[in-house]
Amino acid sequence: MADVLFSPKTHETQWPIVWVVFGAGIVASSHIGKLPPALPQIGANLEVGLVMSGWIASMISTIGFALGLVAGAIADRIGQRRVLIFGLLMLALGSLLGTFAPSSSIMLIARFIEGLGFTATTITGGAIIARTTADCDRKWALGVWAAYMPIGFASMMMFAALILDNFGWRILWGVSLAVTLIWIVVVIHTTAKWQQSQTKAINRDPILGNVKRSLAMGGGVLVAVCFALYTTQHISMMNWLPTYMLEVYGVSTLFAAAVPALVLVFNAVGNYLAAWAMGRGWPIWLLLALGSGGMAVTEIGIFLSILPEGLRLGLAFGFGVASGLIPASALAAAPVYAPTPALIGTMSGLMVMGSNTGQLFGPPALAAIRETSGNWDSTLWLLLSLAVAGIVMAVLSRPMENRAATH
């Protein structure tokens, strides 16, 4: 059975690789963040309705939902760097196709290809960081790694708001393509020498056997479910908040994009708080429970129409902080629950699979409730039930985390 030291020098973290991989995660998440502000234009240009727009938003998560765990096992088998570069190439290809998409069906295919790239990039990113960090830096680095999503998402949302009114959504897709191609070159150059040291890091066991071994780690499955419940809530609110503000308040495109972008900035703050707490010994299950509980409380306030608008906006920022505790904790759980160090990629795949499950089904579910009820406030009951379920999953994982840590 293959095994591997996390880093050729276990006492030294390879920070250049960590930050370049972190940048790859930001580039990948920017492909998700470019869509919400552009949805109204895409819907009008391609003549699609609200629910179809929701599926366009979610299609990027299809591969991660269906094959995240297997993709992680494949990355363990053939090498993390190769899969990371492949993922960035698929993101570029999807952007290229989307730039010239003449219909909603072609846009769905383009987003599917981007989903393949997003899954490959995010699965391997966490595994590479785990393998290039020393023991004392690993949880902190993985906690910070989780911030790739809010940083990339928010940055692209703001950039999109500046471009859309003047140039349109197709130019935005072209810019996204160019940025991705540039980062491919950066990754290839920075990780070339590290790749030569990774021969022993490749797991030679059967892929399906590794998948079964990872699923047998019940705590990892519970954390992945908690991650899915979080993502369903978070991505739904981030995708539809610009549309909600345009419909209800009639604000500008820039302002409609600015508010969710700020929520994502606060989400990154939550990521850092989780990384800080884990670095000081806080258990993962507790941070997951606190995050889910905080989401539940803030969701009630956000949708409580009797509260002043300023307070509801402040609670939206609180939602960002509370929810930020969860992805950092879940991604840091991969090395904890991996059966062996050589299967960190497989366990990371399980976490990404959970995340993509929420990204796939969340926006269409919220859109369906909105269309059926005729108002956005009715979506609270779906969001609140998911938050409560997240608390339950976190508490159930407590004894399993204790056993995994002891092992």
Protein backbone atom coordinates (compact mmCIF):
# COMPACT_ATOMS: atom_id res chain seq x y z
CA MET A 1 0.00 0.00 0.00
CA ALA A 2 1.28 3.42 -0.94
CA ASP A 3 2.03 5.92 1.76
CA VAL A 4 3.63 9.34 1.67
CA LEU A 5 5.12 11.97 3.86
CA PHE A 6 3.14 15.18 3.58
CA SER A 7 6.19 17.14 2.48
CA PRO A 8 9.69 16.10 1.44
CA LYS A 9 10.83 18.12 4.45
CA THR A 10 8.16 17.58 7.06
CA HIS A 11 9.43 20.50 9.15
CA GLU A 12 9.22 23.01 6.28
CA THR A 13 6.09 24.33 4.57
CA GLN A 14 6.44 25.09 0.86
CA TRP A 15 4.66 28.43 0.92
CA PRO A 16 5.11 29.40 -2.77
CA ILE A 17 3.19 26.28 -3.81
CA VAL A 18 0.54 26.88 -1.13
CA TRP A 19 -0.15 30.41 -2.35
CA VAL A 20 -0.11 29.51 -6.05
CA VAL A 21 -2.61 26.71 -5.40
CA PHE A 22 -4.68 29.14 -3.33
CA GLY A 23 -4.68 31.43 -6.37
CA ALA A 24 -5.88 28.54 -8.54
CA GLY A 25 -8.81 28.09 -6.17
CA ILE A 26 -9.63 31.79 -6.45
CA VAL A 27 -9.56 31.56 -10.25
CA ALA A 28 -11.84 28.51 -10.13
CA SER A 29 -14.38 30.18 -7.83
CA SER A 30 -14.40 33.29 -10.02
CA HIS A 31 -16.10 31.14 -12.66
CA ILE A 32 -18.98 30.73 -10.22
CA GLY A 33 -18.97 34.38 -9.14
CA LYS A 34 -19.21 35.76 -12.67
CA LEU A 35 -22.70 34.33 -13.17
CA PRO A 36 -25.08 35.88 -10.57
CA PRO A 37 -24.69 39.52 -11.71
CA ALA A 38 -24.89 38.37 -15.35
CA LEU A 39 -28.00 36.18 -14.95
CA PRO A 40 -30.50 38.94 -15.85
CA GLN A 41 -28.58 39.72 -19.07
CA ILE A 42 -28.10 36.06 -19.94
CA GLY A 43 -31.78 35.35 -19.28
CA ALA A 44 -32.85 38.17 -21.61
CA ASN A 45 -30.25 37.41 -24.28
CA LEU A 46 -30.81 33.66 -24.39
CA GLU A 47 -34.54 33.85 -23.54
CA VAL A 48 -34.54 31.61 -20.47
CA GLY A 49 -36.83 31.65 -17.44
CA LEU A 50 -36.03 31.83 -13.74
CA VAL A 51 -35.79 28.07 -13.10
CA MET A 52 -33.64 27.47 -16.21
CA SER A 53 -31.41 30.31 -15.02
CA GLY A 54 -31.12 28.43 -11.74
CA TRP A 55 -29.96 25.31 -13.56
CA ILE A 56 -27.41 27.35 -15.51
CA ALA A 57 -26.14 28.62 -12.14
CA SER A 58 -25.99 25.10 -10.74
CA MET A 59 -24.64 23.20 -13.74
CA ILE A 60 -21.03 24.00 -12.82
CA SER A 61 -21.52 21.77 -9.78
CA THR A 62 -22.82 18.69 -11.62
CA ILE A 63 -19.48 16.88 -11.92
CA GLY A 64 -18.57 17.55 -8.29
CA PHE A 65 -21.94 16.24 -7.19
CA ALA A 66 -21.83 13.09 -9.30
CA LEU A 67 -18.14 12.19 -9.28
CA GLY A 68 -16.38 14.24 -6.61
CA LEU A 69 -15.32 11.26 -4.53
CA VAL A 70 -14.16 9.24 -7.55
CA ALA A 71 -12.36 12.28 -8.96
CA GLY A 72 -10.44 12.62 -5.70
CA ALA A 73 -9.43 8.97 -5.87
CA ILE A 74 -8.30 9.40 -9.49
CA ALA A 75 -6.19 12.38 -8.47
CA ASP A 76 -4.56 10.25 -5.75
CA ARG A 77 -3.84 7.64 -8.40
CA ILE A 78 -2.42 9.74 -11.26
CA GLY A 79 -1.01 12.73 -9.35
CA GLN A 80 -2.50 15.90 -7.88
CA ARG A 81 -0.56 18.35 -10.08
CA ARG A 82 -1.71 16.78 -13.34
CA VAL A 83 -5.35 16.93 -12.28
CA LEU A 84 -4.98 20.54 -11.09
CA ILE A 85 -3.64 21.64 -14.47
CA PHE A 86 -6.34 19.64 -16.25
CA GLY A 87 -8.96 21.37 -14.12
CA LEU A 88 -7.72 24.84 -15.04
CA LEU A 89 -7.68 23.87 -18.72
CA MET A 90 -11.31 22.74 -18.51
CA LEU A 91 -12.28 26.03 -16.86
CA ALA A 92 -10.69 27.85 -19.78
CA LEU A 93 -12.44 25.65 -22.33
CA GLY A 94 -15.81 26.15 -20.67
CA SER A 95 -15.34 29.92 -20.65
CA LEU A 96 -14.39 29.86 -24.33
CA LEU A 97 -17.55 27.94 -25.25
CA GLY A 98 -19.72 30.12 -23.01
CA THR A 99 -18.37 33.30 -24.60
CA PHE A 100 -19.95 32.32 -27.92
CA ALA A 101 -22.98 30.37 -26.61
CA PRO A 102 -26.00 31.05 -28.88
CA SER A 103 -28.59 29.33 -26.68
CA SER A 104 -29.32 28.17 -23.15
CA SER A 105 -28.51 24.54 -24.06
CA ILE A 106 -24.99 25.49 -25.20
CA MET A 107 -24.55 27.57 -22.07
CA LEU A 108 -25.52 24.55 -19.98
CA ILE A 109 -22.84 22.48 -21.77
CA ALA A 110 -20.28 25.24 -21.21
CA ARG A 111 -21.10 25.37 -17.50
CA PHE A 112 -20.86 21.57 -17.34
CA ILE A 113 -17.31 21.74 -18.72
CA GLU A 114 -16.47 24.49 -16.25
CA GLY A 115 -17.89 22.22 -13.55
CA LEU A 116 -15.43 19.51 -14.54
CA GLY A 117 -12.62 22.03 -14.19
CA PHE A 118 -13.92 23.47 -10.93
CA THR A 119 -14.16 20.02 -9.35
CA ALA A 120 -10.68 18.96 -10.47
CA THR A 121 -9.14 22.22 -9.26
CA THR A 122 -10.78 22.35 -5.85
CA ILE A 123 -10.27 18.67 -5.03
CA THR A 124 -6.57 18.76 -5.80
CA GLY A 125 -5.98 22.17 -4.25
CA GLY A 126 -6.68 21.04 -0.71
CA ALA A 127 -4.73 17.81 -1.16
CA ILE A 128 -1.66 19.64 -2.50
CA ILE A 129 -1.75 22.11 0.39
CA ALA A 130 -2.02 19.25 2.88
CA ARG A 131 1.04 17.60 1.33
CA THR A 132 3.17 20.73 1.14
CA THR A 133 2.63 21.96 4.71
CA ALA A 134 4.31 20.99 7.95
CA ASP A 135 2.22 19.51 10.75
CA CYS A 136 2.13 22.79 12.67
CA ASP A 137 0.86 24.75 9.64
CA ARG A 138 -1.56 22.27 8.06
CA LYS A 139 -4.89 23.05 9.73
CA TRP A 140 -4.30 26.78 9.52
CA ALA A 141 -3.33 26.56 5.85
CA LEU A 142 -6.37 24.41 4.99
CA GLY A 143 -8.60 26.80 6.90
CA VAL A 144 -7.24 29.71 4.89
CA TRP A 145 -7.55 27.63 1.69
CA ALA A 146 -11.32 27.62 2.24
CA ALA A 147 -11.32 31.38 1.63
CA TYR A 148 -10.65 30.75 -2.07
CA MET A 149 -14.41 30.53 -2.62
CA PRO A 150 -15.59 33.83 -1.08
CA ILE A 151 -12.55 35.76 -2.34
CA GLY A 152 -12.86 34.57 -5.94
CA PHE A 153 -16.66 34.75 -5.90
CA ALA A 154 -16.81 38.28 -4.44
CA SER A 155 -13.98 39.69 -6.54
CA MET A 156 -15.54 38.48 -9.77
CA MET A 157 -19.00 39.68 -8.76
CA MET A 158 -17.68 43.20 -8.25
CA PHE A 159 -15.61 43.08 -11.43
CA ALA A 160 -18.64 41.77 -13.33
CA ALA A 161 -20.79 44.64 -12.08
CA LEU A 162 -18.29 47.13 -13.51
CA ILE A 163 -18.16 45.40 -16.92
CA LEU A 164 -21.72 44.23 -17.55
CA ASP A 165 -23.50 47.54 -18.10
CA ASN A 166 -20.87 48.82 -20.53
CA PHE A 167 -19.63 45.71 -22.32
CA GLY A 168 -22.06 42.85 -21.68
CA TRP A 169 -21.70 39.36 -20.31
CA ARG A 170 -19.79 37.86 -23.27
CA ILE A 171 -16.85 40.19 -22.69
CA LEU A 172 -16.89 39.13 -19.04
CA TRP A 173 -16.57 35.49 -20.09
CA GLY A 174 -13.65 36.41 -22.34
CA VAL A 175 -11.82 38.14 -19.48
CA SER A 176 -12.40 35.07 -17.31
CA LEU A 177 -10.84 32.91 -20.03
CA ALA A 178 -7.73 35.11 -20.22
CA VAL A 179 -7.16 35.12 -16.45
CA THR A 180 -7.46 31.33 -16.30
CA LEU A 181 -4.92 30.82 -19.11
CA ILE A 182 -2.44 33.08 -17.32
CA TRP A 183 -2.78 31.13 -14.08
CA ILE A 184 -2.21 27.83 -15.86
CA VAL A 185 1.25 29.09 -16.82
CA VAL A 186 1.92 30.22 -13.23
CA VAL A 187 0.93 26.82 -11.80
CA ILE A 188 3.02 24.86 -14.30
CA HIS A 189 6.10 26.96 -13.57
CA THR A 190 5.78 27.02 -9.77
CA THR A 191 4.99 23.34 -9.19
CA ALA A 192 7.41 21.78 -11.71
CA LYS A 193 10.10 20.83 -9.20
CA TRP A 194 7.58 19.71 -6.59
CA GLN A 195 6.04 17.28 -9.07
CA GLN A 196 9.38 15.45 -9.37
CA SER A 197 9.26 14.64 -5.64
CA GLN A 198 5.75 13.19 -5.75
CA THR A 199 6.38 9.73 -7.18
CA LYS A 200 5.84 8.17 -3.76
CA ALA A 201 2.72 10.25 -3.18
CA ILE A 202 0.74 8.39 -5.83
CA ASN A 203 -1.54 5.70 -4.46
CA ARG A 204 -1.38 2.48 -6.51
CA ASP A 205 -4.35 0.72 -4.88
CA PRO A 206 -7.62 0.18 -6.83
CA ILE A 207 -9.66 3.36 -7.09
CA LEU A 208 -12.95 1.80 -5.99
CA GLY A 209 -11.23 0.19 -3.03
CA ASN A 210 -9.94 3.57 -1.92
CA VAL A 211 -13.41 5.04 -2.32
CA LYS A 212 -14.87 2.34 -0.08
CA ARG A 213 -12.18 2.87 2.56
CA SER A 214 -12.90 6.58 2.62
CA LEU A 215 -16.68 6.13 2.85
CA ALA A 216 -16.15 3.75 5.75
CA MET A 217 -14.91 6.76 7.73
CA GLY A 218 -18.37 7.73 9.00
CA GLY A 219 -17.21 11.01 10.47
CA GLY A 220 -15.99 12.17 7.09
CA VAL A 221 -19.38 11.39 5.56
CA LEU A 222 -21.19 13.40 8.27
CA VAL A 223 -18.87 16.37 7.74
CA ALA A 224 -19.47 16.18 3.98
CA VAL A 225 -23.25 16.19 4.57
CA CYS A 226 -22.87 19.21 6.83
CA PHE A 227 -20.86 20.88 4.08
CA ALA A 228 -23.65 20.12 1.58
CA LEU A 229 -26.30 21.61 3.86
CA TYR A 230 -24.22 24.75 4.28
CA THR A 231 -23.59 25.16 0.56
CA THR A 232 -27.26 24.73 -0.30
CA GLN A 233 -28.06 27.73 1.86
CA HIS A 234 -25.05 29.86 1.04
CA ILE A 235 -24.85 29.49 -2.74
CA SER A 236 -28.62 29.94 -3.07
CA MET A 237 -28.56 33.25 -1.25
CA MET A 238 -25.49 34.46 -3.12
CA ASN A 239 -26.93 33.51 -6.52
CA TRP A 240 -30.33 35.08 -6.00
CA LEU A 241 -29.52 38.07 -3.82
CA PRO A 242 -28.67 40.31 -6.83
CA THR A 243 -31.93 39.31 -8.57
CA TYR A 244 -33.85 39.84 -5.32
CA MET A 245 -32.43 43.34 -4.85
CA LEU A 246 -33.13 44.27 -8.47
CA GLU A 247 -36.73 43.01 -8.22
CA VAL A 248 -37.64 44.30 -4.77
CA TYR A 249 -35.59 47.47 -4.39
CA GLY A 250 -34.88 48.44 -8.01
CA VAL A 251 -31.22 49.16 -7.24
CA SER A 252 -28.42 49.45 -9.79
CA THR A 253 -26.52 46.43 -11.06
CA LEU A 254 -23.43 47.64 -9.20
CA PHE A 255 -25.23 47.93 -5.87
CA ALA A 256 -27.01 44.59 -6.36
CA ALA A 257 -23.63 42.94 -6.83
CA ALA A 258 -21.90 44.89 -4.06
CA VAL A 259 -24.07 43.60 -1.20
CA PRO A 260 -23.53 39.85 -1.80
CA ALA A 261 -19.88 40.58 -2.54
CA LEU A 262 -19.57 42.17 0.91
CA VAL A 263 -21.35 39.16 2.42
CA LEU A 264 -18.68 37.01 0.81
CA VAL A 265 -15.95 39.21 2.29
CA PHE A 266 -17.44 38.51 5.71
CA ASN A 267 -17.56 34.83 4.76
CA ALA A 268 -13.79 34.99 4.23
CA VAL A 269 -13.51 36.52 7.72
CA GLY A 270 -15.36 33.47 9.03
CA ASN A 271 -12.90 31.23 7.18
CA TYR A 272 -10.02 32.95 8.91
CA LEU A 273 -11.69 32.75 12.33
CA ALA A 274 -12.14 28.99 11.84
CA ALA A 275 -8.50 28.62 10.78
CA TRP A 276 -7.42 30.61 13.86
CA ALA A 277 -9.60 28.48 16.15
CA MET A 278 -8.41 25.16 14.70
CA GLY A 279 -4.83 26.33 15.09
CA ARG A 280 -5.58 26.67 18.80
CA GLY A 281 -7.15 23.25 19.17
CA TRP A 282 -10.86 23.89 18.65
CA PRO A 283 -12.56 20.70 17.40
CA ILE A 284 -13.99 20.64 13.90
CA TRP A 285 -17.44 19.44 14.99
CA LEU A 286 -17.89 22.43 17.31
CA LEU A 287 -17.05 24.93 14.59
CA LEU A 288 -19.48 23.20 12.23
CA ALA A 289 -22.24 23.39 14.86
CA LEU A 290 -21.52 27.04 15.66
CA GLY A 291 -21.58 27.92 11.96
CA SER A 292 -24.87 26.14 11.33
CA GLY A 293 -26.46 27.70 14.40
CA GLY A 294 -25.29 31.16 13.41
CA MET A 295 -26.76 30.70 9.93
CA ALA A 296 -30.12 29.71 11.42
CA VAL A 297 -30.31 32.76 13.69
CA THR A 298 -29.28 35.25 11.01
CA GLU A 299 -31.61 33.73 8.40
CA ILE A 300 -34.58 34.32 10.67
CA GLY A 301 -33.62 37.97 11.06
CA ILE A 302 -32.90 38.51 7.35
CA PHE A 303 -36.37 37.34 6.33
CA LEU A 304 -38.22 38.96 9.25
CA SER A 305 -39.90 41.87 7.45
CA ILE A 306 -40.75 43.75 10.66
CA LEU A 307 -37.05 44.50 11.22
CA PRO A 308 -35.50 47.68 9.79
CA GLU A 309 -33.70 47.24 6.47
CA GLY A 310 -30.39 48.35 7.97
CA LEU A 311 -30.56 45.68 10.65
CA ARG A 312 -31.47 43.02 8.11
CA LEU A 313 -28.48 44.05 6.02
CA GLY A 314 -26.25 43.77 9.08
CA LEU A 315 -27.62 40.28 9.73
CA ALA A 316 -26.73 39.35 6.15
CA PHE A 317 -23.12 40.22 6.96
CA GLY A 318 -23.43 38.17 10.15
CA PHE A 319 -24.68 35.30 8.00
CA GLY A 320 -21.46 35.60 6.02
CA VAL A 321 -19.25 35.32 9.12
CA ALA A 322 -21.19 32.40 10.65
CA SER A 323 -21.33 30.45 7.41
CA GLY A 324 -17.61 30.99 6.86
CA LEU A 325 -16.83 28.73 9.81
CA ILE A 326 -18.13 25.68 7.94
CA PRO A 327 -16.08 25.36 4.70
CA ALA A 328 -12.81 26.00 6.50
CA SER A 329 -13.62 23.31 9.07
CA ALA A 330 -14.90 20.81 6.51
CA LEU A 331 -11.89 21.11 4.21
CA ALA A 332 -9.53 20.81 7.18
CA ALA A 333 -11.31 17.57 8.10
CA ALA A 334 -9.93 15.74 5.05
CA PRO A 335 -6.52 14.89 6.58
CA VAL A 336 -8.22 14.03 9.89
CA TYR A 337 -10.55 11.42 8.40
CA ALA A 338 -8.39 10.14 5.51
CA PRO A 339 -7.61 6.42 6.09
CA THR A 340 -3.96 7.09 5.10
CA PRO A 341 -2.08 10.24 4.07
CA ALA A 342 -2.02 8.99 0.48
CA LEU A 343 -5.84 9.17 0.40
CA ILE A 344 -6.22 12.82 1.37
CA GLY A 345 -7.29 13.59 -2.21
CA THR A 346 -10.05 11.00 -2.01
CA MET A 347 -11.35 12.43 1.26
CA SER A 348 -11.06 15.95 -0.18
CA GLY A 349 -13.16 14.67 -3.07
CA LEU A 350 -15.84 13.60 -0.61
CA MET A 351 -15.89 17.12 0.88
CA VAL A 352 -16.07 18.74 -2.55
CA MET A 353 -18.82 16.30 -3.49
CA GLY A 354 -20.82 17.50 -0.51
CA SER A 355 -20.20 21.13 -1.41
CA ASN A 356 -21.21 20.63 -5.03
CA THR A 357 -24.39 18.80 -4.03
CA GLY A 358 -25.59 21.98 -2.35
CA GLN A 359 -24.41 24.15 -5.24
CA LEU A 360 -26.30 21.99 -7.74
CA PHE A 361 -29.68 21.76 -6.03
CA GLY A 362 -29.79 24.94 -3.95
CA PRO A 363 -30.45 27.69 -6.54
CA PRO A 364 -33.16 25.76 -8.47
CA ALA A 365 -34.87 24.78 -5.19
CA LEU A 366 -34.99 28.38 -3.99
CA ALA A 367 -36.18 29.54 -7.42
CA ALA A 368 -38.96 26.93 -7.43
CA ILE A 369 -40.20 28.04 -3.99
CA ARG A 370 -40.07 31.68 -5.11
CA GLU A 371 -42.11 30.97 -8.24
CA THR A 372 -44.67 28.84 -6.39
CA SER A 373 -45.23 31.23 -3.49
CA GLY A 374 -44.76 34.49 -5.36
CA ASN A 375 -42.36 35.96 -2.77
CA TRP A 376 -38.80 35.45 -1.53
CA ASP A 377 -39.63 35.41 2.19
CA SER A 378 -41.21 31.96 1.89
CA THR A 379 -37.77 30.46 1.20
CA LEU A 380 -36.90 30.90 4.89
CA TRP A 381 -38.39 27.55 5.88
CA LEU A 382 -36.16 25.65 3.47
CA LEU A 383 -33.05 27.52 4.62
CA LEU A 384 -33.87 27.17 8.30
CA SER A 385 -34.50 23.42 8.10
CA LEU A 386 -31.15 22.94 6.35
CA ALA A 387 -29.34 24.91 9.07
CA VAL A 388 -30.89 22.82 11.85
CA ALA A 389 -29.94 19.61 10.03
CA GLY A 390 -26.37 20.91 9.83
CA ILE A 391 -26.25 21.26 13.62
CA VAL A 392 -27.41 17.66 13.98
CA MET A 393 -24.75 16.34 11.56
CA ALA A 394 -22.02 18.26 13.37
CA VAL A 395 -22.97 16.93 16.82
CA LEU A 396 -23.21 13.36 15.50
CA SER A 397 -19.66 13.59 14.14
CA ARG A 398 -18.16 14.50 17.53
CA PRO A 399 -17.30 10.99 18.81
CA MET A 400 -15.96 9.98 15.39
CA GLU A 401 -13.66 12.99 15.28
CA ASN A 402 -12.34 12.10 18.74
CA ARG A 403 -11.57 8.54 17.59
CA ALA A 404 -9.94 9.74 14.35
CA ALA A 405 -7.76 12.22 16.24
CA THR A 406 -6.65 9.53 18.69
CA HIS A 407 -5.85 7.15 15.80
